[in-house]
Amino acid sequence: LKEVLILTGIISFSSSAIVAKVLVDLKRTGNNETELILGIIMFEDIFLAVYLSVVSGLVLSSSGSVWGTLLSTFIAIGYMLIFFVIARKASGVLNKLFNITSDEIFIIVVFALLFFIAGFSETIHVAEAIGALLLGLVFSETEHSDRIEKLVIPFRDFFGAIFFFSFGLSIDPTTLGGAVWMVLGAVIITIIGNFAAGMIAGRKSGLSHRASANIGLTIVSRGEFSIILANLGIAGGLMPILTPFAALYVLTLAILGPILTKESKHIYNILNKVFKWTPPKVQKKQEKEVH
């Protein structure tokens, strides 16, 4: 059951960083479907916090009993709710705490709180990534959120590279072959599932078939969240195959995702010939939605 929960999370959450960058690079931020795409990945990020809280309670629980597992899950959920309350009620205190003139001392205080919360989260069997995410939500409610973002952004790419580098060091290349067929099946399921979800969401929102296809082909990319879940599984003593599976799966879709997004027009045209979604005259008018 625990492995199923981890695998479900690995293949379910899009990489908001890759999706956002691809939309900017392809100059599609003004497209009709872009607002819905951003809404989808934002909802996924919020749901991820809840999902990670529940799963970390189940996976990292040291108790084998049902009651012990439920207790760990409730602790994780309660921990998350405490941060939501702090974000709403304690913003005034945080505003005074962060009223620091020196940028150097300011960023040291921010990182000190970040590492403290991450470490404390791990001690109560909640994933440290959850603590960091929840602290970010709290900081976003303060008057200093823009300043924090400005000072943290230079560190983002550095720590992101360290994160992926450390994950790569944990992988034995000889074990990758055993995960190939699992990855192939997961990639096919992900592409078909995301495309179908994008078509349904787009059509329900009144968008054309072409714009709906763009949604499904844009949210295919997977990234940091999948690796976080794989690391959570390994920390919980689950099947070792999770690490090579997540590595190959993320690498495959991090490459395929942007390609599918870029070639969405041609993919849609091919599918349209098969399913006859859009009459030729209407199809020509919809070219403007992509370019």
Protein backbone atom coordinates (compact mmCIF):
# COMPACT_ATOMS: atom_id res chain seq x y z
CA LEU A 1 0.00 0.00 0.00
CA LYS A 2 2.77 2.46 0.90
CA GLU A 3 4.61 1.80 -2.36
CA VAL A 4 1.36 2.37 -4.27
CA LEU A 5 0.86 5.74 -2.55
CA ILE A 6 4.40 6.83 -3.40
CA LEU A 7 4.15 5.66 -7.03
CA THR A 8 0.79 7.39 -7.39
CA GLY A 9 2.31 10.64 -6.19
CA ILE A 10 5.36 10.28 -8.43
CA ILE A 11 3.27 9.99 -11.60
CA SER A 12 0.52 12.43 -10.60
CA PHE A 13 2.14 15.84 -10.04
CA SER A 14 3.41 18.05 -12.85
CA SER A 15 6.59 20.10 -12.53
CA SER A 16 5.37 23.67 -12.15
CA ALA A 17 8.89 24.98 -12.80
CA ILE A 18 9.22 23.20 -16.17
CA VAL A 19 5.65 24.01 -17.25
CA ALA A 20 6.03 27.72 -16.44
CA LYS A 21 9.41 27.96 -18.19
CA VAL A 22 8.13 26.21 -21.32
CA LEU A 23 5.13 28.55 -21.54
CA VAL A 24 7.44 31.57 -21.34
CA ASP A 25 10.02 30.17 -23.78
CA LEU A 26 7.35 29.29 -26.36
CA LYS A 27 5.67 32.69 -25.86
CA ARG A 28 2.31 31.11 -24.99
CA THR A 29 1.58 33.15 -21.87
CA GLY A 30 -1.12 35.05 -23.76
CA ASN A 31 -2.90 31.96 -25.09
CA ASN A 32 -6.50 31.27 -24.09
CA GLU A 33 -5.60 28.03 -22.34
CA THR A 34 -2.62 29.35 -20.34
CA GLU A 35 -4.72 30.65 -17.45
CA LEU A 36 -6.27 27.21 -17.00
CA ILE A 37 -2.85 25.52 -17.21
CA LEU A 38 -1.48 27.77 -14.47
CA GLY A 39 -4.61 27.12 -12.41
CA ILE A 40 -4.08 23.37 -12.72
CA ILE A 41 -0.43 23.42 -11.62
CA MET A 42 -1.22 25.81 -8.74
CA PHE A 43 -3.98 23.46 -7.53
CA GLU A 44 -1.53 20.55 -7.80
CA ASP A 45 1.02 22.43 -5.66
CA ILE A 46 -1.58 23.09 -2.96
CA PHE A 47 -2.90 19.53 -3.04
CA LEU A 48 0.69 18.27 -2.93
CA ALA A 49 1.14 19.82 0.52
CA VAL A 50 -1.85 17.86 1.81
CA TYR A 51 -0.81 14.67 -0.01
CA LEU A 52 2.76 14.83 1.29
CA SER A 53 1.53 15.44 4.82
CA VAL A 54 -0.68 12.36 4.76
CA VAL A 55 1.79 10.12 2.93
CA SER A 56 4.74 11.16 5.10
CA GLY A 57 2.71 10.25 8.18
CA LEU A 58 2.00 6.81 6.72
CA VAL A 59 5.44 6.10 5.26
CA LEU A 60 7.67 7.53 8.00
CA SER A 61 5.63 6.11 10.87
CA SER A 62 7.78 3.88 13.06
CA SER A 63 4.72 2.06 14.34
CA GLY A 64 3.42 -0.96 12.51
CA SER A 65 -0.04 -0.78 14.04
CA VAL A 66 -3.04 0.82 12.41
CA TRP A 67 -3.54 3.23 15.32
CA GLY A 68 0.10 4.24 15.28
CA THR A 69 -0.06 4.96 11.56
CA LEU A 70 -3.28 6.95 11.97
CA LEU A 71 -1.68 8.94 14.80
CA SER A 72 1.30 9.81 12.62
CA THR A 73 -1.04 10.88 9.83
CA PHE A 74 -3.09 13.10 12.15
CA ILE A 75 0.12 14.64 13.50
CA ALA A 76 1.21 15.50 9.95
CA ILE A 77 -2.17 17.02 9.09
CA GLY A 78 -2.29 18.93 12.39
CA TYR A 79 1.24 20.19 11.74
CA MET A 80 0.11 21.54 8.37
CA LEU A 81 -2.97 23.21 9.87
CA ILE A 82 -0.82 24.95 12.50
CA PHE A 83 1.16 26.63 9.75
CA PHE A 84 -2.04 27.78 8.05
CA VAL A 85 -3.17 29.35 11.32
CA ILE A 86 0.22 31.01 11.82
CA ALA A 87 0.08 32.39 8.29
CA ARG A 88 -3.30 34.01 8.99
CA LYS A 89 -2.87 35.12 12.61
CA ALA A 90 0.84 35.74 13.19
CA SER A 91 1.76 37.82 10.14
CA GLY A 92 2.05 40.95 12.34
CA VAL A 93 4.65 39.31 14.59
CA LEU A 94 6.60 38.07 11.58
CA ASN A 95 6.52 41.53 10.01
CA LYS A 96 8.23 42.93 13.11
CA LEU A 97 10.70 40.02 13.24
CA PHE A 98 11.75 40.61 9.62
CA ASN A 99 12.05 44.35 10.02
CA ILE A 100 15.82 44.06 9.57
CA THR A 101 17.82 46.69 7.66
CA SER A 102 20.82 44.54 6.74
CA ASP A 103 20.15 42.15 3.85
CA GLU A 104 22.86 39.79 5.11
CA ILE A 105 21.30 39.39 8.56
CA PHE A 106 17.83 39.23 7.00
CA ILE A 107 18.67 36.30 4.73
CA ILE A 108 20.51 34.53 7.58
CA VAL A 109 17.37 34.76 9.74
CA VAL A 110 15.23 33.41 6.88
CA PHE A 111 17.52 30.45 6.24
CA ALA A 112 17.92 29.77 9.97
CA LEU A 113 14.15 29.47 10.33
CA LEU A 114 13.98 27.34 7.19
CA PHE A 115 16.58 24.82 8.36
CA PHE A 116 15.12 24.75 11.87
CA ILE A 117 11.61 23.98 10.58
CA ALA A 118 12.93 21.37 8.15
CA GLY A 119 14.89 19.66 10.92
CA PHE A 120 12.02 19.82 13.39
CA SER A 121 9.66 18.38 10.76
CA GLU A 122 11.89 15.37 10.34
CA THR A 123 11.99 14.74 14.09
CA ILE A 124 8.18 14.39 14.21
CA HIS A 125 8.22 12.11 11.14
CA VAL A 126 6.99 14.73 8.68
CA ALA A 127 8.97 15.14 5.47
CA GLU A 128 11.37 18.09 5.70
CA ALA A 129 10.16 19.22 2.28
CA ILE A 130 6.70 19.70 3.80
CA GLY A 131 8.13 21.91 6.55
CA ALA A 132 9.98 24.03 3.99
CA LEU A 133 6.89 24.34 1.80
CA LEU A 134 4.65 25.30 4.71
CA LEU A 135 7.16 27.89 5.94
CA GLY A 136 7.16 29.39 2.45
CA LEU A 137 3.37 29.68 2.63
CA VAL A 138 3.70 31.49 5.96
CA PHE A 139 6.34 33.90 4.61
CA SER A 140 4.14 34.69 1.61
CA GLU A 141 1.60 36.27 3.96
CA THR A 142 4.10 38.80 5.35
CA GLU A 143 4.94 42.27 4.10
CA HIS A 144 8.47 41.08 3.37
CA SER A 145 7.53 38.33 0.89
CA ASP A 146 8.88 40.26 -2.12
CA ARG A 147 12.16 40.95 -0.33
CA ILE A 148 12.51 37.31 0.69
CA GLU A 149 11.81 36.15 -2.87
CA LYS A 150 14.35 38.61 -4.31
CA LEU A 151 17.10 37.44 -1.95
CA VAL A 152 16.29 33.72 -2.16
CA ILE A 153 16.04 33.44 -5.96
CA PRO A 154 19.86 33.54 -6.49
CA PHE A 155 20.13 30.51 -4.21
CA ARG A 156 17.27 28.63 -5.90
CA ASP A 157 19.16 27.30 -8.91
CA PHE A 158 22.21 26.45 -6.79
CA PHE A 159 20.27 24.43 -4.23
CA GLY A 160 18.16 22.93 -7.02
CA ALA A 161 21.32 21.67 -8.73
CA ILE A 162 22.63 20.30 -5.41
CA PHE A 163 19.29 18.53 -4.85
CA PHE A 164 19.36 16.73 -8.21
CA PHE A 165 23.10 16.06 -7.91
CA SER A 166 22.69 14.41 -4.51
CA PHE A 167 19.78 12.35 -5.85
CA GLY A 168 21.93 11.23 -8.77
CA LEU A 169 24.69 10.13 -6.39
CA SER A 170 22.21 7.83 -4.63
CA ILE A 171 21.45 5.89 -7.83
CA ASP A 172 23.34 2.78 -8.87
CA PRO A 173 23.42 2.88 -12.71
CA THR A 174 23.26 -0.92 -12.86
CA THR A 175 19.78 -0.82 -11.29
CA LEU A 176 18.29 1.44 -13.97
CA GLY A 177 17.70 -1.45 -16.35
CA GLY A 178 15.32 -3.12 -13.93
CA ALA A 179 13.03 -0.08 -13.97
CA VAL A 180 12.82 0.42 -17.75
CA TRP A 181 9.56 -1.45 -18.32
CA MET A 182 7.91 0.15 -15.30
CA VAL A 183 8.97 3.58 -16.54
CA LEU A 184 7.74 2.87 -20.06
CA GLY A 185 4.31 1.89 -18.76
CA ALA A 186 4.18 4.88 -16.39
CA VAL A 187 5.16 7.31 -19.16
CA ILE A 188 2.43 5.98 -21.48
CA ILE A 189 -0.17 6.17 -18.70
CA THR A 190 0.93 9.71 -17.80
CA ILE A 191 0.78 11.05 -21.35
CA ILE A 192 -2.60 9.47 -22.10
CA GLY A 193 -4.03 10.44 -18.70
CA ASN A 194 -2.83 14.05 -18.85
CA PHE A 195 -4.00 14.47 -22.43
CA ALA A 196 -7.46 13.14 -21.56
CA ALA A 197 -7.62 15.33 -18.43
CA GLY A 198 -6.55 18.38 -20.44
CA MET A 199 -9.19 17.73 -23.09
CA ILE A 200 -11.91 17.32 -20.46
CA ALA A 201 -10.85 20.41 -18.48
CA GLY A 202 -10.50 22.53 -21.59
CA ARG A 203 -13.84 21.56 -23.09
CA LYS A 204 -15.60 22.02 -19.73
CA SER A 205 -14.13 25.55 -19.64
CA GLY A 206 -15.42 26.34 -23.11
CA LEU A 207 -12.08 26.14 -24.91
CA SER A 208 -11.60 24.66 -28.36
CA HIS A 209 -10.31 21.16 -28.97
CA ARG A 210 -6.94 22.61 -30.04
CA ALA A 211 -6.55 24.68 -26.86
CA SER A 212 -7.67 21.71 -24.76
CA ALA A 213 -5.06 19.51 -26.44
CA ASN A 214 -2.42 22.12 -25.58
CA ILE A 215 -3.39 21.83 -21.91
CA GLY A 216 -2.95 18.06 -21.83
CA LEU A 217 0.36 18.15 -23.67
CA THR A 218 1.78 20.99 -21.55
CA ILE A 219 1.25 19.47 -18.09
CA VAL A 220 3.06 16.21 -18.90
CA SER A 221 6.47 17.24 -17.51
CA ARG A 222 7.54 15.78 -14.16
CA GLY A 223 10.35 17.00 -11.93
CA GLU A 224 11.31 17.84 -8.36
CA PHE A 225 8.09 16.69 -6.68
CA SER A 226 8.46 13.15 -8.05
CA ILE A 227 11.99 12.94 -6.71
CA ILE A 228 10.91 14.26 -3.29
CA LEU A 229 8.30 11.50 -3.09
CA ALA A 230 10.84 8.87 -4.15
CA ASN A 231 13.24 10.07 -1.43
CA LEU A 232 10.38 9.92 1.05
CA GLY A 233 9.75 6.31 0.10
CA ILE A 234 13.41 5.40 0.48
CA ALA A 235 13.56 7.15 3.87
CA GLY A 236 10.59 5.02 4.91
CA GLY A 237 12.41 1.82 4.00
CA LEU A 238 10.25 1.00 0.96
CA MET A 239 11.30 -0.88 -2.19
CA PRO A 240 14.72 0.27 -3.53
CA ILE A 241 13.36 0.22 -7.10
CA LEU A 242 11.65 3.56 -6.34
CA THR A 243 14.93 5.47 -6.79
CA PRO A 244 15.87 4.25 -10.30
CA PHE A 245 12.20 4.35 -11.33
CA ALA A 246 11.84 8.00 -10.29
CA ALA A 247 15.16 8.94 -11.91
CA LEU A 248 14.30 7.41 -15.30
CA TYR A 249 10.68 8.57 -15.16
CA VAL A 250 11.55 12.19 -14.36
CA LEU A 251 14.37 12.28 -16.92
CA THR A 252 12.12 10.86 -19.64
CA LEU A 253 9.22 13.24 -19.06
CA ALA A 254 11.47 16.24 -18.41
CA ILE A 255 12.69 15.69 -21.99
CA LEU A 256 9.43 14.58 -23.60
CA GLY A 257 7.25 17.20 -21.87
CA PRO A 258 8.71 20.31 -23.53
CA ILE A 259 8.90 18.49 -26.87
CA LEU A 260 5.22 17.53 -26.71
CA THR A 261 4.33 21.10 -25.77
CA LYS A 262 6.35 22.55 -28.64
CA GLU A 263 4.91 20.12 -31.17
CA SER A 264 1.34 20.28 -29.81
CA LYS A 265 0.06 21.85 -33.04
CA HIS A 266 1.30 18.97 -35.20
CA ILE A 267 0.16 16.36 -32.68
CA TYR A 268 -3.31 17.91 -32.61
CA ASN A 269 -3.49 18.00 -36.43
CA ILE A 270 -2.65 14.29 -36.58
CA LEU A 271 -5.22 13.40 -33.92
CA ASN A 272 -7.81 15.67 -35.54
CA LYS A 273 -7.55 13.69 -38.79
CA VAL A 274 -8.38 10.54 -36.84
CA PHE A 275 -11.11 11.80 -34.50
CA LYS A 276 -12.53 14.61 -36.71
CA TRP A 277 -12.83 17.02 -33.78
CA THR A 278 -12.74 20.25 -35.78
CA PRO A 279 -13.98 20.93 -39.36
CA PRO A 280 -11.21 22.24 -41.70
CA LYS A 281 -12.69 25.77 -41.94
CA VAL A 282 -12.97 26.13 -38.18
CA GLN A 283 -9.50 24.66 -37.71
CA LYS A 284 -7.91 27.45 -39.76
CA LYS A 285 -9.54 30.07 -37.56
CA GLN A 286 -8.17 28.40 -34.44
CA GLU A 287 -4.54 28.67 -35.59
CA LYS A 288 -4.34 31.99 -33.71
CA GLU A 289 -4.85 30.22 -30.38
CA VAL A 290 -1.43 28.63 -30.64
CA HIS A 291 0.56 31.33 -32.39
